Amino acid sequence: MPSYRIHLGFEIGTGNAVGIPLHHAVLTGLTRLSGKTTAAEAIMGRLPEGFKALAFRT
């Protein structure tokens, strides 16, 4: 099975791609202060085609 990574951006100085492994993830933070929904939407928007995500927006 190939190892997939979600592209987050580029490293300052080297320009190397930065990503996180595609696996189970949890985002936590303070209510209305940390950008959890924005981060989740951005990460889900970068998933490889065919992958699915489940988010609970409450």
N, C-alpha and C. Protein backbone atom coordinates (compact mmCIF):
# COMPACT_ATOMS: atom_id res chain seq x y z
N MET A 1 0.84 -1.17 0.00
CA MET A 1 0.00 0.00 0.00
C MET A 1 0.89 1.24 0.00
N PRO A 2 0.66 2.18 -0.90
CA PRO A 2 1.49 3.38 -0.94
C PRO A 2 1.28 4.25 0.30
N SER A 3 2.31 4.99 0.64
CA SER A 3 2.22 5.92 1.77
C SER A 3 1.80 7.29 1.25
N TYR A 4 0.64 7.77 1.68
CA TYR A 4 0.15 9.07 1.24
C TYR A 4 0.43 10.11 2.31
N ARG A 5 0.73 11.32 1.87
CA ARG A 5 0.94 12.44 2.78
C ARG A 5 0.05 13.60 2.32
N ILE A 6 -0.48 14.33 3.28
CA ILE A 6 -1.29 15.51 2.98
C ILE A 6 -0.35 16.70 2.94
N HIS A 7 -0.28 17.37 1.80
CA HIS A 7 0.62 18.51 1.62
C HIS A 7 0.14 19.69 2.45
N LEU A 8 1.02 20.24 3.30
CA LEU A 8 0.67 21.39 4.14
C LEU A 8 1.31 22.68 3.67
N GLY A 9 2.44 22.58 2.99
CA GLY A 9 3.13 23.79 2.56
C GLY A 9 4.59 23.47 2.27
N PHE A 10 5.44 24.49 2.44
CA PHE A 10 6.86 24.34 2.14
C PHE A 10 7.71 24.86 3.29
N GLU A 11 8.84 24.21 3.52
CA GLU A 11 9.76 24.59 4.58
C GLU A 11 10.47 25.89 4.23
N ILE A 12 10.52 26.80 5.19
CA ILE A 12 11.21 28.08 4.97
C ILE A 12 12.70 27.80 4.83
N GLY A 13 13.31 28.42 3.88
CA GLY A 13 14.74 28.25 3.67
C GLY A 13 15.08 27.22 2.61
N THR A 14 14.59 26.00 2.78
CA THR A 14 14.93 24.94 1.82
C THR A 14 13.90 24.81 0.70
N GLY A 15 12.66 25.18 0.99
CA GLY A 15 11.60 25.01 -0.01
C GLY A 15 11.11 23.58 -0.14
N ASN A 16 11.59 22.69 0.75
CA ASN A 16 11.13 21.30 0.72
C ASN A 16 9.66 21.22 1.09
N ALA A 17 8.95 20.30 0.45
CA ALA A 17 7.54 20.09 0.76
C ALA A 17 7.39 19.57 2.19
N VAL A 18 6.34 20.03 2.88
CA VAL A 18 6.03 19.58 4.23
C VAL A 18 4.65 18.95 4.20
N GLY A 19 4.52 17.77 4.79
CA GLY A 19 3.24 17.10 4.81
C GLY A 19 3.11 16.21 6.02
N ILE A 20 1.89 15.74 6.25
CA ILE A 20 1.65 14.81 7.34
C ILE A 20 1.14 13.51 6.76
N PRO A 21 1.48 12.37 7.39
CA PRO A 21 1.01 11.09 6.88
C PRO A 21 -0.52 11.03 6.92
N LEU A 22 -1.09 10.42 5.90
CA LEU A 22 -2.53 10.24 5.84
C LEU A 22 -2.90 9.04 6.69
N HIS A 23 -3.57 9.29 7.79
CA HIS A 23 -3.99 8.26 8.73
C HIS A 23 -5.07 8.88 9.60
N HIS A 24 -5.37 8.29 10.71
CA HIS A 24 -6.35 8.86 11.62
C HIS A 24 -5.80 10.16 12.20
N ALA A 25 -6.64 11.17 12.34
CA ALA A 25 -6.19 12.45 12.87
C ALA A 25 -7.27 13.06 13.75
N VAL A 26 -6.84 13.84 14.73
CA VAL A 26 -7.75 14.58 15.60
C VAL A 26 -7.22 15.99 15.71
N LEU A 27 -8.09 16.98 15.57
CA LEU A 27 -7.71 18.38 15.74
C LEU A 27 -8.34 18.89 17.02
N THR A 28 -7.54 19.51 17.88
CA THR A 28 -8.07 20.05 19.13
C THR A 28 -7.61 21.49 19.31
N GLY A 29 -8.32 22.24 20.11
CA GLY A 29 -7.94 23.61 20.39
C GLY A 29 -9.05 24.34 21.12
N LEU A 30 -8.77 25.58 21.50
CA LEU A 30 -9.75 26.38 22.23
C LEU A 30 -10.88 26.83 21.32
N THR A 31 -12.07 26.86 21.85
CA THR A 31 -13.25 27.28 21.10
C THR A 31 -13.06 28.69 20.55
N ARG A 32 -13.32 28.85 19.26
CA ARG A 32 -13.28 30.13 18.54
C ARG A 32 -11.90 30.79 18.49
N LEU A 33 -10.86 30.09 18.90
CA LEU A 33 -9.55 30.74 18.94
C LEU A 33 -8.46 30.07 18.13
N SER A 34 -8.67 28.81 17.72
CA SER A 34 -7.52 28.08 17.19
C SER A 34 -7.60 27.70 15.72
N GLY A 35 -8.71 27.92 15.03
CA GLY A 35 -8.79 27.61 13.61
C GLY A 35 -8.96 26.14 13.28
N LYS A 36 -9.60 25.39 14.14
CA LYS A 36 -9.77 23.95 13.91
C LYS A 36 -10.57 23.66 12.65
N THR A 37 -11.69 24.35 12.48
CA THR A 37 -12.53 24.10 11.30
C THR A 37 -11.79 24.49 10.03
N THR A 38 -11.11 25.62 10.05
CA THR A 38 -10.34 26.06 8.88
C THR A 38 -9.25 25.06 8.54
N ALA A 39 -8.54 24.57 9.55
CA ALA A 39 -7.48 23.58 9.32
C ALA A 39 -8.06 22.28 8.78
N ALA A 40 -9.16 21.82 9.35
CA ALA A 40 -9.78 20.57 8.89
C ALA A 40 -10.23 20.69 7.44
N GLU A 41 -10.87 21.81 7.09
CA GLU A 41 -11.33 22.00 5.71
C GLU A 41 -10.15 22.04 4.75
N ALA A 42 -9.06 22.69 5.15
CA ALA A 42 -7.88 22.77 4.28
C ALA A 42 -7.24 21.40 4.09
N ILE A 43 -7.12 20.64 5.17
CA ILE A 43 -6.53 19.30 5.07
C ILE A 43 -7.40 18.38 4.23
N MET A 44 -8.70 18.41 4.46
CA MET A 44 -9.60 17.55 3.68
C MET A 44 -9.59 17.93 2.20
N GLY A 45 -9.38 19.19 1.91
CA GLY A 45 -9.31 19.63 0.52
C GLY A 45 -8.07 19.15 -0.20
N ARG A 46 -7.08 18.67 0.55
CA ARG A 46 -5.83 18.20 -0.05
C ARG A 46 -5.75 16.67 -0.12
N LEU A 47 -6.79 15.98 0.28
CA LEU A 47 -6.77 14.52 0.23
C LEU A 47 -6.67 14.03 -1.21
N PRO A 48 -5.96 12.93 -1.45
CA PRO A 48 -5.91 12.37 -2.80
C PRO A 48 -7.31 11.96 -3.25
N GLU A 49 -7.53 11.99 -4.55
CA GLU A 49 -8.84 11.63 -5.11
C GLU A 49 -9.24 10.23 -4.67
N GLY A 50 -10.49 10.10 -4.29
CA GLY A 50 -11.01 8.81 -3.87
C GLY A 50 -11.00 8.61 -2.36
N PHE A 51 -10.28 9.43 -1.62
CA PHE A 51 -10.26 9.31 -0.17
C PHE A 51 -11.45 10.05 0.41
N LYS A 52 -11.91 9.59 1.55
CA LYS A 52 -13.07 10.20 2.19
C LYS A 52 -12.70 10.67 3.59
N ALA A 53 -13.44 11.67 4.07
CA ALA A 53 -13.22 12.19 5.41
C ALA A 53 -14.56 12.36 6.09
N LEU A 54 -14.56 12.25 7.40
CA LEU A 54 -15.76 12.44 8.20
C LEU A 54 -15.47 13.54 9.21
N ALA A 55 -16.30 14.58 9.21
CA ALA A 55 -16.12 15.69 10.15
C ALA A 55 -17.43 15.96 10.86
N PHE A 56 -17.35 16.23 12.14
CA PHE A 56 -18.52 16.61 12.94
C PHE A 56 -18.39 18.10 13.25
N ARG A 57 -19.21 18.92 12.62
CA ARG A 57 -19.21 20.36 12.90
C ARG A 57 -20.36 20.64 13.84
N THR A 58 -20.04 21.01 15.07
CA THR A 58 -21.09 21.24 16.06
C THR A 58 -21.07 22.67 16.55
